N, C-alpha and C. Protein backbone atom coordinates (compact mmCIF):
# COMPACT_ATOMS: atom_id res chain seq x y z
N MET A 1 -4.83 25.43 -5.84
CA MET A 1 -5.25 24.65 -5.06
C MET A 1 -4.33 24.10 -3.87
N LYS A 2 -2.59 24.01 -4.29
CA LYS A 2 -1.78 23.39 -3.97
C LYS A 2 -1.67 24.55 -2.62
N LYS A 3 -2.06 25.69 -2.47
CA LYS A 3 -1.97 26.36 -1.11
C LYS A 3 -2.81 25.87 -0.11
N ILE A 4 -4.22 25.43 -0.27
CA ILE A 4 -5.32 25.26 0.38
C ILE A 4 -5.11 23.62 0.89
N ASP A 5 -4.32 23.09 -0.04
CA ASP A 5 -4.48 21.13 0.25
C ASP A 5 -4.23 21.07 1.31
N LYS A 6 -3.59 21.80 2.31
CA LYS A 6 -3.34 21.10 4.28
C LYS A 6 -4.55 21.71 4.67
N LYS A 7 -4.95 22.32 4.21
CA LYS A 7 -5.94 23.20 5.08
C LYS A 7 -7.76 22.39 5.17
N ILE A 8 -7.72 21.41 3.75
CA ILE A 8 -8.90 20.61 3.59
C ILE A 8 -9.14 19.36 4.67
N LYS A 9 -10.08 19.59 5.40
CA LYS A 9 -10.67 18.35 6.29
C LYS A 9 -10.86 17.36 5.81
N SER A 10 -12.36 17.78 5.32
CA SER A 10 -12.92 16.63 4.72
C SER A 10 -13.09 17.28 3.57
N LEU A 11 -13.69 16.06 2.75
CA LEU A 11 -14.21 16.26 1.40
C LEU A 11 -15.13 14.94 0.25
N SER A 12 -16.10 15.39 -0.02
CA SER A 12 -17.34 14.43 -0.43
C SER A 12 -17.42 14.67 -1.72
N ILE A 13 -17.39 13.74 -2.62
CA ILE A 13 -17.80 13.72 -4.25
C ILE A 13 -18.53 13.00 -4.63
N GLU A 14 -19.50 13.29 -5.44
CA GLU A 14 -20.62 12.68 -5.98
C GLU A 14 -20.33 12.06 -7.13
N PHE A 15 -20.42 10.97 -7.33
CA PHE A 15 -20.08 10.39 -8.79
C PHE A 15 -21.45 9.79 -9.63
N GLU A 16 -20.90 9.77 -11.17
CA GLU A 16 -22.14 8.69 -11.34
C GLU A 16 -22.55 7.47 -11.26
N ARG A 17 -23.41 7.09 -11.72
CA ARG A 17 -23.93 5.40 -11.40
C ARG A 17 -22.72 4.59 -11.83
N ASN A 18 -22.54 5.19 -13.12
CA ASN A 18 -21.37 3.78 -13.97
C ASN A 18 -19.86 4.21 -13.28
N THR A 19 -19.76 4.73 -12.69
CA THR A 19 -18.47 5.07 -12.03
C THR A 19 -17.89 3.41 -11.31
N ARG A 20 -16.81 2.98 -11.78
CA ARG A 20 -16.13 1.76 -11.43
C ARG A 20 -15.29 2.25 -9.94
N LEU A 21 -15.14 1.27 -9.31
CA LEU A 21 -14.19 1.32 -7.74
C LEU A 21 -12.88 1.92 -8.35
N ASP A 22 -12.37 1.31 -9.42
CA ASP A 22 -10.87 1.55 -9.93
C ASP A 22 -10.77 2.99 -9.74
N GLU A 23 -11.33 3.70 -10.67
CA GLU A 23 -11.48 4.91 -10.81
C GLU A 23 -11.69 5.52 -9.63
N VAL A 24 -12.27 5.44 -8.82
CA VAL A 24 -12.50 6.15 -7.40
C VAL A 24 -11.01 5.90 -6.52
N ASP A 25 -9.93 4.54 -6.40
CA ASP A 25 -9.23 4.24 -6.07
C ASP A 25 -8.04 5.37 -6.27
N GLU A 26 -8.22 6.28 -7.39
CA GLU A 26 -6.83 6.72 -7.82
C GLU A 26 -7.47 8.11 -7.18
N VAL A 27 -8.48 8.91 -6.53
CA VAL A 27 -8.76 9.93 -6.15
C VAL A 27 -8.35 9.76 -4.97
N VAL A 28 -8.55 8.55 -3.82
CA VAL A 28 -8.32 8.62 -2.94
C VAL A 28 -6.61 8.45 -2.79
N GLU A 29 -6.08 7.45 -3.58
CA GLU A 29 -4.51 7.68 -3.45
C GLU A 29 -4.19 9.40 -4.01
N ASP A 30 -4.81 9.87 -4.21
CA ASP A 30 -4.50 11.38 -4.27
C ASP A 30 -4.34 12.29 -3.39
N PHE A 31 -5.41 11.82 -2.48
CA PHE A 31 -5.83 12.90 -1.33
C PHE A 31 -5.05 12.10 -0.46
N LYS A 32 -4.41 10.89 -0.14
CA LYS A 32 -3.68 10.36 0.62
C LYS A 32 -1.99 10.57 0.69
N LYS A 33 -1.64 11.19 -1.10
CA LYS A 33 -0.52 11.72 -1.19
C LYS A 33 -0.48 12.94 -0.48
N VAL A 34 -1.36 13.74 -0.63
CA VAL A 34 -1.17 15.06 -0.30
C VAL A 34 -1.24 14.91 1.21
N THR A 35 -2.17 14.45 1.89
CA THR A 35 -2.06 14.33 3.32
C THR A 35 -0.83 14.34 4.18
N ASP A 36 -0.93 15.14 5.26
CA ASP A 36 0.25 15.26 6.08
C ASP A 36 0.60 14.08 7.08
N GLU A 37 1.67 13.98 7.82
CA GLU A 37 2.03 12.59 8.23
C GLU A 37 1.15 12.63 9.72
N LYS A 38 0.97 13.98 10.22
CA LYS A 38 0.04 14.00 11.19
C LYS A 38 -1.16 13.16 11.36
N PHE A 39 -1.87 13.09 10.22
CA PHE A 39 -3.17 12.83 9.67
C PHE A 39 -3.09 11.31 9.26
N GLU A 40 -4.32 10.67 9.20
CA GLU A 40 -4.28 9.78 8.57
C GLU A 40 -5.61 9.63 7.51
N VAL A 41 -5.99 9.30 6.44
CA VAL A 41 -7.07 9.36 5.73
C VAL A 41 -8.44 8.39 6.24
N ASP A 42 -9.44 8.67 6.28
CA ASP A 42 -10.58 7.50 6.47
C ASP A 42 -11.84 7.73 5.02
N ALA A 43 -11.52 6.55 4.42
CA ALA A 43 -12.43 6.85 2.99
C ALA A 43 -13.51 6.14 3.19
N SER A 44 -15.00 6.55 3.08
CA SER A 44 -15.89 5.95 2.66
C SER A 44 -16.82 5.89 1.62
N ILE A 45 -17.75 4.81 1.17
CA ILE A 45 -18.52 5.33 -0.38
C ILE A 45 -20.20 4.99 0.19
N ASP A 46 -20.89 5.90 -0.18
CA ASP A 46 -22.60 5.74 0.05
C ASP A 46 -22.79 5.20 -1.60
N ILE A 47 -23.03 3.99 -1.20
CA ILE A 47 -23.63 3.14 -2.58
C ILE A 47 -24.71 3.66 -3.17
N ILE A 48 -26.01 4.16 -2.33
CA ILE A 48 -26.94 4.52 -2.75
C ILE A 48 -26.88 5.74 -3.19
N LYS A 49 -25.82 6.62 -2.67
CA LYS A 49 -26.04 8.27 -2.89
C LYS A 49 -24.73 8.56 -4.11
N SER A 50 -24.21 7.21 -4.35
CA SER A 50 -22.96 7.07 -5.11
C SER A 50 -21.73 8.53 -4.88
N THR A 51 -21.52 8.48 -3.65
CA THR A 51 -21.08 9.94 -2.74
C THR A 51 -19.52 8.76 -2.46
N LEU A 52 -18.35 9.56 -2.66
CA LEU A 52 -17.51 9.28 -1.63
C LEU A 52 -17.01 10.09 -0.87
N TYR A 53 -16.69 9.67 0.67
CA TYR A 53 -16.25 10.98 1.58
C TYR A 53 -14.97 10.08 2.36
N LEU A 54 -14.47 11.56 1.96
CA LEU A 54 -12.56 11.56 2.52
C LEU A 54 -12.53 12.44 3.61
N LYS A 55 -11.96 11.98 4.67
CA LYS A 55 -12.13 12.72 6.17
C LYS A 55 -10.35 12.27 6.44
N ARG A 56 -9.73 13.75 6.85
CA ARG A 56 -8.15 13.71 7.59
C ARG A 56 -8.13 13.23 9.01
N VAL A 57 -8.39 12.41 9.27
CA VAL A 57 -8.33 12.32 10.96
C VAL A 57 -6.76 12.04 11.58
N ARG A 58 -6.94 13.11 12.68
CA ARG A 58 -5.49 13.18 13.28
C ARG A 58 -5.58 12.29 14.14
N LYS A 59 -4.08 11.99 13.84
CA LYS A 59 -3.29 10.95 14.63
C LYS A 59 -3.13 11.02 16.17
N PRO A 60 -3.46 10.24 17.02
CA PRO A 60 -3.06 10.19 18.42
C PRO A 60 -1.77 10.55 18.66
N TYR A 61 -1.30 11.48 19.70
CA TYR A 61 -0.54 12.31 20.03
C TYR A 61 0.48 11.04 20.69
N ILE A 62 -0.11 10.50 21.75
CA ILE A 62 0.24 9.41 22.72
C ILE A 62 0.44 8.04 21.95
N LYS A 63 1.54 7.30 22.01
CA LYS A 63 1.43 6.04 21.48
C LYS A 63 1.88 5.05 22.94
N LEU A 64 1.41 3.53 22.46
CA LEU A 64 1.37 2.96 23.74
C LEU A 64 2.92 2.48 23.90
N VAL A 65 3.51 2.38 24.91
CA VAL A 65 4.80 1.87 25.10
C VAL A 65 4.68 0.63 25.50
N THR A 66 5.76 -0.14 24.71
CA THR A 66 6.13 -1.88 25.19
C THR A 66 7.20 -1.86 25.72
N ASN A 67 7.49 -2.78 26.20
CA ASN A 67 8.59 -3.55 26.20
C ASN A 67 8.67 -5.00 26.52
N LYS A 68 9.48 -5.39 25.21
CA LYS A 68 9.48 -6.89 24.96
C LYS A 68 7.97 -7.31 24.83
N GLY A 69 7.36 -6.65 24.40
CA GLY A 69 6.03 -6.99 23.86
C GLY A 69 5.12 -7.05 25.28
N LYS A 70 5.37 -6.47 26.22
CA LYS A 70 4.49 -6.17 27.86
C LYS A 70 4.39 -4.67 27.85
N LYS A 71 2.89 -3.98 27.76
CA LYS A 71 2.84 -2.19 28.14
C LYS A 71 3.32 -1.96 29.48
N VAL A 72 4.41 -1.08 29.04
CA VAL A 72 4.97 -0.57 30.40
C VAL A 72 3.86 0.93 31.17
């Protein structure tokens, strides 16, 4: 599993109805630990379907440059 961790772009996990949110939080934190610095994790929960969606979103290449709080 460690060899393909970097190649996973999105993940959906279906939980039982009696799963608590603090249990789901551990899964999200583990996914964030494996995620590279180039990506950020987008997590969403579908309460009706009891599904957790995790997606790696690429961070932008260009950042806004400011000089003393003003955009340059």
